[in-house]
Amino acid sequence: MRNKILIIGAIAFVAYILGSRSATVQVNKGESVRHQLVRMWNDPKAKKERKKKAEKAAKAAEKALDRVRR
């Protein structure tokens, strides 16, 4: 029983270490981060989502103004 617990603990530890290392982004310089941000900002899907969120926020603000004016 004790051996099984140690083996399960060792496997969990190794999985945690491997998972935490794979989740990190490897960036060499600040320029690389800037490039990634620009690429993300110019992505068509991201632009579409930002537009949807902006329209939703505008509608919510308009509703809130109408409630205040009443």
C-alpha atoms as a PDB file:
ATOM      1  CA  MET A   1       0.000   0.000   0.000  1.00  0.00           C
ATOM      2  CA  ARG A   2       2.795   2.378   0.926  1.00  0.00           C
ATOM      3  CA  ASN A   3       4.638   1.635  -2.317  1.00  0.00           C
ATOM      4  CA  LYS A   4       1.521   2.402  -4.364  1.00  0.00           C
ATOM      5  CA  ILE A   5       1.141   5.770  -2.639  1.00  0.00           C
ATOM      6  CA  LEU A   6       4.795   6.614  -3.323  1.00  0.00           C
ATOM      7  CA  ILE A   7       4.491   5.634  -6.976  1.00  0.00           C
ATOM      8  CA  ILE A   8       1.307   7.679  -7.416  1.00  0.00           C
ATOM      9  CA  GLY A   9       2.946  10.630  -5.681  1.00  0.00           C
ATOM     10  CA  ALA A  10       6.032  10.394  -7.910  1.00  0.00           C
ATOM     11  CA  ILE A  11       3.899  10.210 -11.057  1.00  0.00           C
ATOM     12  CA  ALA A  12       1.849  13.215  -9.923  1.00  0.00           C
ATOM     13  CA  PHE A  13       5.023  15.190  -9.199  1.00  0.00           C
ATOM     14  CA  VAL A  14       6.532  14.424 -12.607  1.00  0.00           C
ATOM     15  CA  ALA A  15       3.252  15.281 -14.350  1.00  0.00           C
ATOM     16  CA  TYR A  16       3.093  18.581 -12.474  1.00  0.00           C
ATOM     17  CA  ILE A  17       6.671  19.504 -13.432  1.00  0.00           C
ATOM     18  CA  LEU A  18       6.186  18.580 -17.091  1.00  0.00           C
ATOM     19  CA  GLY A  19       2.852  20.393 -17.257  1.00  0.00           C
ATOM     20  CA  SER A  20       4.151  23.573 -15.683  1.00  0.00           C
ATOM     21  CA  ARG A  21       7.125  23.717 -18.034  1.00  0.00           C
ATOM     22  CA  SER A  22       5.044  23.152 -21.151  1.00  0.00           C
ATOM     23  CA  ALA A  23       2.644  25.945 -20.228  1.00  0.00           C
ATOM     24  CA  THR A  24       5.316  28.637 -20.151  1.00  0.00           C
ATOM     25  CA  VAL A  25       5.943  30.754 -23.218  1.00  0.00           C
ATOM     26  CA  GLN A  26       9.526  30.890 -24.368  1.00  0.00           C
ATOM     27  CA  VAL A  27      10.356  34.512 -25.170  1.00  0.00           C
ATOM     28  CA  ASN A  28      13.888  35.602 -25.975  1.00  0.00           C
ATOM     29  CA  LYS A  29      13.561  39.385 -26.127  1.00  0.00           C
ATOM     30  CA  GLY A  30      11.001  42.113 -25.473  1.00  0.00           C
ATOM     31  CA  GLU A  31      10.632  42.628 -29.210  1.00  0.00           C
ATOM     32  CA  SER A  32       9.272  39.124 -29.502  1.00  0.00           C
ATOM     33  CA  VAL A  33       6.543  39.899 -26.974  1.00  0.00           C
ATOM     34  CA  ARG A  34       5.704  43.091 -28.871  1.00  0.00           C
ATOM     35  CA  HIS A  35       5.467  41.125 -32.101  1.00  0.00           C
ATOM     36  CA  GLN A  36       3.097  38.635 -30.506  1.00  0.00           C
ATOM     37  CA  LEU A  37       0.889  41.427 -29.164  1.00  0.00           C
ATOM     38  CA  VAL A  38       0.721  43.145 -32.547  1.00  0.00           C
ATOM     39  CA  ARG A  39      -0.116  39.862 -34.247  1.00  0.00           C
ATOM     40  CA  MET A  40      -2.851  39.174 -31.705  1.00  0.00           C
ATOM     41  CA  TRP A  41      -4.266  42.705 -32.038  1.00  0.00           C
ATOM     42  CA  ASN A  42      -4.427  42.439 -35.845  1.00  0.00           C
ATOM     43  CA  ASP A  43      -5.988  38.971 -35.838  1.00  0.00           C
ATOM     44  CA  PRO A  44      -9.383  39.081 -37.642  1.00  0.00           C
ATOM     45  CA  LYS A  45     -11.065  36.887 -35.021  1.00  0.00           C
ATOM     46  CA  ALA A  46      -9.808  39.128 -32.219  1.00  0.00           C
ATOM     47  CA  LYS A  47     -11.036  42.238 -34.052  1.00  0.00           C
ATOM     48  CA  LYS A  48     -14.465  40.677 -34.460  1.00  0.00           C
ATOM     49  CA  GLU A  49     -14.649  39.791 -30.766  1.00  0.00           C
ATOM     50  CA  ARG A  50     -13.535  43.283 -29.722  1.00  0.00           C
ATOM     51  CA  LYS A  51     -16.223  44.794 -31.936  1.00  0.00           C
ATOM     52  CA  LYS A  52     -18.891  42.530 -30.424  1.00  0.00           C
ATOM     53  CA  LYS A  53     -17.766  43.378 -26.881  1.00  0.00           C
ATOM     54  CA  ALA A  54     -17.723  47.106 -27.667  1.00  0.00           C
ATOM     55  CA  GLU A  55     -21.270  46.956 -29.066  1.00  0.00           C
ATOM     56  CA  LYS A  56     -22.444  44.990 -26.044  1.00  0.00           C
ATOM     57  CA  ALA A  57     -20.823  47.516 -23.680  1.00  0.00           C
ATOM     58  CA  ALA A  58     -22.418  50.404 -25.584  1.00  0.00           C
ATOM     59  CA  LYS A  59     -25.864  48.804 -25.280  1.00  0.00           C
ATOM     60  CA  ALA A  60     -25.345  48.199 -21.568  1.00  0.00           C
ATOM     61  CA  ALA A  61     -24.243  51.803 -21.065  1.00  0.00           C
ATOM     62  CA  GLU A  62     -27.278  53.058 -22.986  1.00  0.00           C
ATOM     63  CA  LYS A  63     -29.601  50.931 -20.850  1.00  0.00           C
ATOM     64  CA  ALA A  64     -27.962  52.205 -17.683  1.00  0.00           C
ATOM     65  CA  LEU A  65     -28.390  55.816 -18.847  1.00  0.00           C
ATOM     66  CA  ASP A  66     -32.057  55.184 -19.602  1.00  0.00           C
ATOM     67  CA  ARG A  67     -32.543  53.772 -16.098  1.00  0.00           C
ATOM     68  CA  VAL A  68     -30.858  56.767 -14.518  1.00  0.00           C
ATOM     69  CA  ARG A  69     -32.887  59.266 -16.560  1.00  0.00           C
ATOM     70  CA  ARG A  70     -36.220  57.743 -15.476  1.00  0.00           C
END
